[in-house]
Protein backbone atom coordinates (compact mmCIF):
# COMPACT_ATOMS: atom_id res chain seq x y z
CA MET A 1 128.48 115.80 131.69
CA ARG A 2 124.79 116.48 131.53
CA ARG A 3 123.26 116.20 128.06
CA MET A 4 119.97 117.54 126.93
CA PHE A 5 117.77 115.60 124.40
CA TYR A 6 114.91 117.33 122.78
CA ILE A 7 113.13 117.65 119.42
CA PRO A 8 113.81 121.07 117.90
CA PHE A 9 110.60 121.23 115.96
CA SER A 10 106.91 121.09 116.90
CA LEU A 11 105.28 117.66 116.69
CA LYS A 12 103.11 118.84 113.79
CA PHE A 13 106.10 120.09 111.78
CA LEU A 14 108.05 116.84 112.50
CA ILE A 15 105.18 114.69 111.25
CA LEU A 16 104.98 116.98 108.14
CA LEU A 17 108.72 116.57 107.52
CA ILE A 18 108.53 112.76 107.73
CA ILE A 19 105.66 112.71 105.32
CA ILE A 20 107.65 114.93 102.85
CA LEU A 21 110.66 112.66 103.19
CA MET A 22 108.54 109.60 102.62
CA PHE A 23 106.92 111.20 99.51
CA GLY A 24 110.33 112.27 98.25
CA PHE A 25 111.91 108.70 98.63
CA GLY A 26 108.76 107.23 97.06
CA THR A 27 108.97 109.63 94.09
CA LEU A 28 112.76 108.86 93.77
CA PHE A 29 112.05 105.07 93.74
CA LEU A 30 109.21 105.51 91.24
CA GLY A 31 111.55 107.50 88.91
CA VAL A 32 114.33 104.92 89.22
CA PHE A 33 111.86 101.98 88.54
CA ILE A 34 110.42 103.68 85.43
CA SER A 35 113.74 104.55 83.96
CA THR A 36 115.07 101.08 84.65
CA PHE A 37 112.26 99.34 82.82
CA MET A 38 112.42 101.85 79.91
CA LYS A 39 115.88 100.35 79.28
CA ILE A 40 114.30 97.13 77.97
CA GLY A 41 111.73 98.92 75.72
CA PHE A 42 108.76 99.56 78.00
CA SER A 43 107.13 103.01 78.10
CA ALA A 44 106.65 104.93 81.33
CA GLU A 45 102.98 103.96 81.41
CA ASP A 46 103.92 100.25 80.90
CA ALA A 47 106.51 100.48 83.86
CA LEU A 48 103.86 102.04 86.09
CA LEU A 49 101.41 99.24 85.17
CA ILE A 50 104.11 96.58 85.92
CA LEU A 51 104.78 98.04 89.41
CA LEU A 52 101.05 98.36 90.15
CA LEU A 53 100.34 94.79 89.06
CA SER A 54 103.47 93.50 90.92
CA LEU A 55 102.38 95.30 94.17
CA LEU A 56 98.76 94.00 93.90
CA GLY A 57 99.95 90.51 92.91
CA SER A 58 102.38 90.28 95.76
CA GLY A 59 99.45 89.34 98.08
CA VAL A 60 98.24 86.60 95.74
CA ASN A 61 99.65 83.10 96.01
CA VAL A 62 98.36 80.42 93.70
CA PRO A 63 98.50 76.90 95.20
CA VAL A 64 100.11 74.41 92.68
CA ALA A 65 100.74 71.25 94.82
CA THR A 66 100.69 69.75 98.28
CA LEU A 67 103.82 68.08 99.36
CA LYS A 68 103.70 65.26 101.94
CA SER A 69 106.35 65.79 104.70
CA ASP A 70 108.18 63.40 107.00
CA VAL A 71 109.00 66.14 109.49
CA PRO A 72 106.68 68.19 111.83
CA VAL A 73 105.61 71.65 110.79
CA VAL A 74 107.77 74.51 112.31
CA ARG A 75 105.68 76.56 114.70
CA LYS A 76 108.02 79.60 115.10
CA ASN A 77 106.89 82.93 113.95
CA TYR A 78 110.20 84.13 112.42
CA VAL A 79 113.43 82.60 111.16
CA ARG A 80 116.66 84.55 110.35
CA SER A 81 119.02 83.78 107.52
CA PHE A 82 121.64 85.82 105.66
CA GLY A 83 120.78 88.60 108.00
CA VAL A 84 117.09 88.76 106.99
CA SER A 85 114.11 87.87 109.24
CA TYR A 86 111.64 85.62 107.39
CA ARG A 87 108.00 85.36 108.59
CA ILE A 88 106.73 81.83 108.54
CA PRO A 89 103.21 81.64 106.93
CA VAL A 90 100.51 80.31 109.18
CA ARG A 91 97.79 77.84 108.18
CA LYS A 92 94.69 77.33 110.22
CA PHE A 93 94.82 73.50 109.97
CA VAL A 94 98.41 72.35 110.13
CA ARG A 95 99.37 68.79 109.02
CA SER A 96 102.67 67.30 108.13
CA GLU A 97 102.58 68.69 104.63
CA THR A 98 103.72 71.74 102.65
CA LEU A 99 101.47 73.79 100.44
CA LEU A 100 103.53 74.77 97.37
CA ALA A 101 102.34 77.98 95.80
CA VAL A 102 103.47 80.56 93.19
CA ASN A 103 103.27 84.28 93.96
CA VAL A 104 101.83 86.40 91.19
CA GLY A 105 103.80 89.61 91.92
CA GLY A 106 107.05 87.97 92.83
CA ALA A 107 107.24 85.19 90.22
CA VAL A 108 104.47 85.10 87.63
CA ILE A 109 104.83 88.70 86.43
CA PRO A 110 108.67 88.82 86.17
CA VAL A 111 108.63 85.36 84.37
CA LEU A 112 106.05 86.66 81.88
CA ILE A 113 108.21 89.82 81.24
CA SER A 114 111.17 87.62 80.70
CA ALA A 115 109.29 85.48 78.15
CA TYR A 116 108.00 88.61 76.44
CA LEU A 117 111.55 89.92 76.02
CA LEU A 118 112.93 86.61 74.73
CA ILE A 119 110.11 86.47 72.23
CA LYS A 120 110.45 90.15 71.13
CA PHE A 121 114.32 89.90 70.87
CA PRO A 122 115.01 86.36 69.69
CA SER A 123 118.49 87.25 68.59
CA SER A 124 119.43 87.73 72.23
CA LEU A 125 118.27 84.03 73.13
CA LEU A 126 121.67 82.48 73.02
CA LEU A 127 123.41 85.00 75.23
CA ALA A 128 120.40 85.23 77.51
CA GLY A 129 120.33 81.50 77.85
CA THR A 130 123.99 81.44 78.80
CA GLY A 131 123.41 84.18 81.34
CA ILE A 132 120.50 82.35 82.87
CA ALA A 133 122.62 79.20 83.20
CA ILE A 134 125.45 81.07 84.96
CA VAL A 135 123.12 82.76 87.42
CA ALA A 136 121.28 79.54 88.06
CA ALA A 137 124.59 77.70 88.74
CA VAL A 138 125.88 80.44 91.13
CA THR A 139 122.52 80.79 92.90
CA TYR A 140 122.12 77.05 93.43
CA SER A 141 125.61 76.81 94.88
CA VAL A 142 124.79 79.33 97.69
CA ALA A 143 121.02 78.64 98.19
CA LYS A 144 120.28 77.59 101.72
CA PRO A 145 117.27 75.52 102.81
CA ILE A 146 115.67 77.28 105.88
CA ARG A 147 113.46 75.27 108.26
CA GLY A 148 109.90 76.56 108.23
CA VAL A 149 110.38 78.96 105.30
CA GLY A 150 111.93 77.41 102.24
CA ILE A 151 114.91 78.34 100.15
CA ALA A 152 116.93 81.54 100.70
CA THR A 153 119.93 83.14 98.95
CA PRO A 154 122.09 86.26 99.61
CA ALA A 155 120.02 89.11 98.27
CA LEU A 156 122.61 90.88 96.04
CA LEU A 157 124.51 87.80 94.68
CA PRO A 158 122.01 86.76 91.93
CA PRO A 159 121.58 90.30 90.38
CA LEU A 160 125.34 91.08 90.63
CA THR A 161 125.97 87.76 88.83
CA ALA A 162 123.42 88.53 86.24
CA ALA A 163 124.80 92.04 85.56
CA PHE A 164 128.39 90.85 85.48
CA ALA A 165 127.53 87.87 83.17
CA ALA A 166 125.55 90.20 80.81
CA VAL A 167 128.48 92.75 80.50
CA ILE A 168 131.07 89.91 79.95
CA LEU A 169 129.01 87.87 77.48
CA THR A 170 127.99 90.83 75.32
CA SER A 171 131.52 92.19 75.26
CA VAL A 172 133.10 88.80 74.33
CA PHE A 173 130.47 87.54 71.96
CA GLN A 174 129.41 90.09 69.37
CA MET A 175 126.06 89.06 67.81
CA PRO A 176 125.63 90.95 64.47
CA GLU A 177 121.85 90.71 64.56
CA CYS A 178 121.56 91.91 68.18
CA LEU A 179 122.32 95.42 69.29
CA ALA A 180 124.91 95.51 72.16
CA ASP A 181 122.66 97.49 74.59
CA GLN A 182 119.59 95.45 73.71
CA CYS A 183 121.30 92.14 74.15
CA ARG A 184 122.92 93.32 77.53
CA PHE A 185 119.69 94.51 78.98
CA VAL A 186 117.77 91.46 78.04
CA THR A 187 120.51 89.10 79.22
CA ALA A 188 120.78 90.94 82.60
CA TYR A 189 117.02 90.97 83.28
CA THR A 190 116.24 87.41 82.13
CA GLY A 191 119.37 86.11 83.94
CA GLY A 192 118.38 87.82 87.12
CA VAL A 193 114.78 86.53 87.04
CA LEU A 194 114.95 83.08 85.39
CA GLY A 195 118.46 82.25 86.80
CA THR A 196 117.22 82.91 90.33
CA LEU A 197 114.02 81.07 89.79
CA ILE A 198 115.84 77.99 88.53
CA GLY A 199 118.85 78.10 90.78
CA ALA A 200 117.03 78.87 94.09
CA ASP A 201 113.53 77.35 93.60
CA LEU A 202 113.16 74.77 90.76
CA LEU A 203 116.50 72.92 91.52
CA ASN A 204 115.69 72.79 95.21
CA LEU A 205 112.02 71.65 95.00
CA GLY A 206 112.95 68.18 96.30
CA LYS A 207 114.23 69.73 99.56
CA ILE A 208 111.15 71.84 100.30
CA LYS A 209 108.91 69.09 101.55
CA ASN A 210 111.30 68.23 104.44
CA LEU A 211 111.71 71.75 105.64
CA GLY A 212 108.62 71.75 107.87
CA ALA A 213 107.20 74.82 106.15
CA PRO A 214 103.44 75.18 106.26
CA VAL A 215 103.54 77.12 103.05
CA ALA A 216 106.46 77.45 100.52
CA SER A 217 105.65 80.17 98.00
CA ILE A 218 107.92 80.67 94.94
CA GLY A 219 108.38 84.41 94.81
CA GLY A 220 106.65 84.65 98.14
CA ALA A 221 107.84 88.13 99.22
CA GLY A 222 105.99 89.48 96.23
CA THR A 223 107.51 92.64 94.66
CA PHE A 224 110.29 92.55 97.13
CA ASP A 225 111.21 88.94 96.43
CA GLY A 226 114.57 87.72 95.12
CA ILE A 227 113.14 86.72 91.69
CA PHE A 228 111.60 90.19 91.00
CA LEU A 229 114.38 92.20 92.65
CA SER A 230 117.12 90.26 90.91
CA GLY A 231 115.97 91.25 87.45
CA PHE A 232 115.32 94.88 88.52
CA ILE A 233 118.64 95.33 90.30
CA ALA A 234 120.55 93.62 87.50
CA LEU A 235 119.05 96.16 85.00
CA LEU A 236 119.82 98.95 87.44
CA LEU A 237 123.63 98.02 87.67
CA ILE A 238 124.30 98.15 83.91
């Protein structure tokens, strides 16, 4: 059978429709982001500032160390793992060494938010610490070294673990000085952020130098990195 394929709209209308859809999805994401961060006590303006700083900081990587490597640097452009394509950072002068850096948007900002929450709600420290340890252990058990890139984990496992641990811990252990919702939200966010940071990155620092990666950035995908998203998605799930 013959089939006919054609666009039922004019090109201008199609472009307008695409712009409207993009704006709609962007507005929806913005609303979800703001409402999610309001759960842990931030105002709408604070949430917008966090998002803006995270987006701007996602392009800033602060070098912290140079690791001497015994293996040649990987020269591929992309590597796939857990169904995700990772772009290998390029350095102009490549030696047998790995530049270790920390991404501002993907690691520094979520860690600062976690520290702020733990200081503001000290009564949640015990449960949050337990949640962080659980997420770190689970994340470390599945973290996979990737040649040329660094350490990768399944995207949804850390936030799911953080959300599940927060719900279970706050249900089993009732802390009189800590409101249930307050403790749950703080435990979920800090578990997602710090648990992922410890389990995926810090506990695997010894493996990074022999992965042949020109640059290994903690939180290197910026706003869309596992550390940032783990905290955000964990909050979203509870």
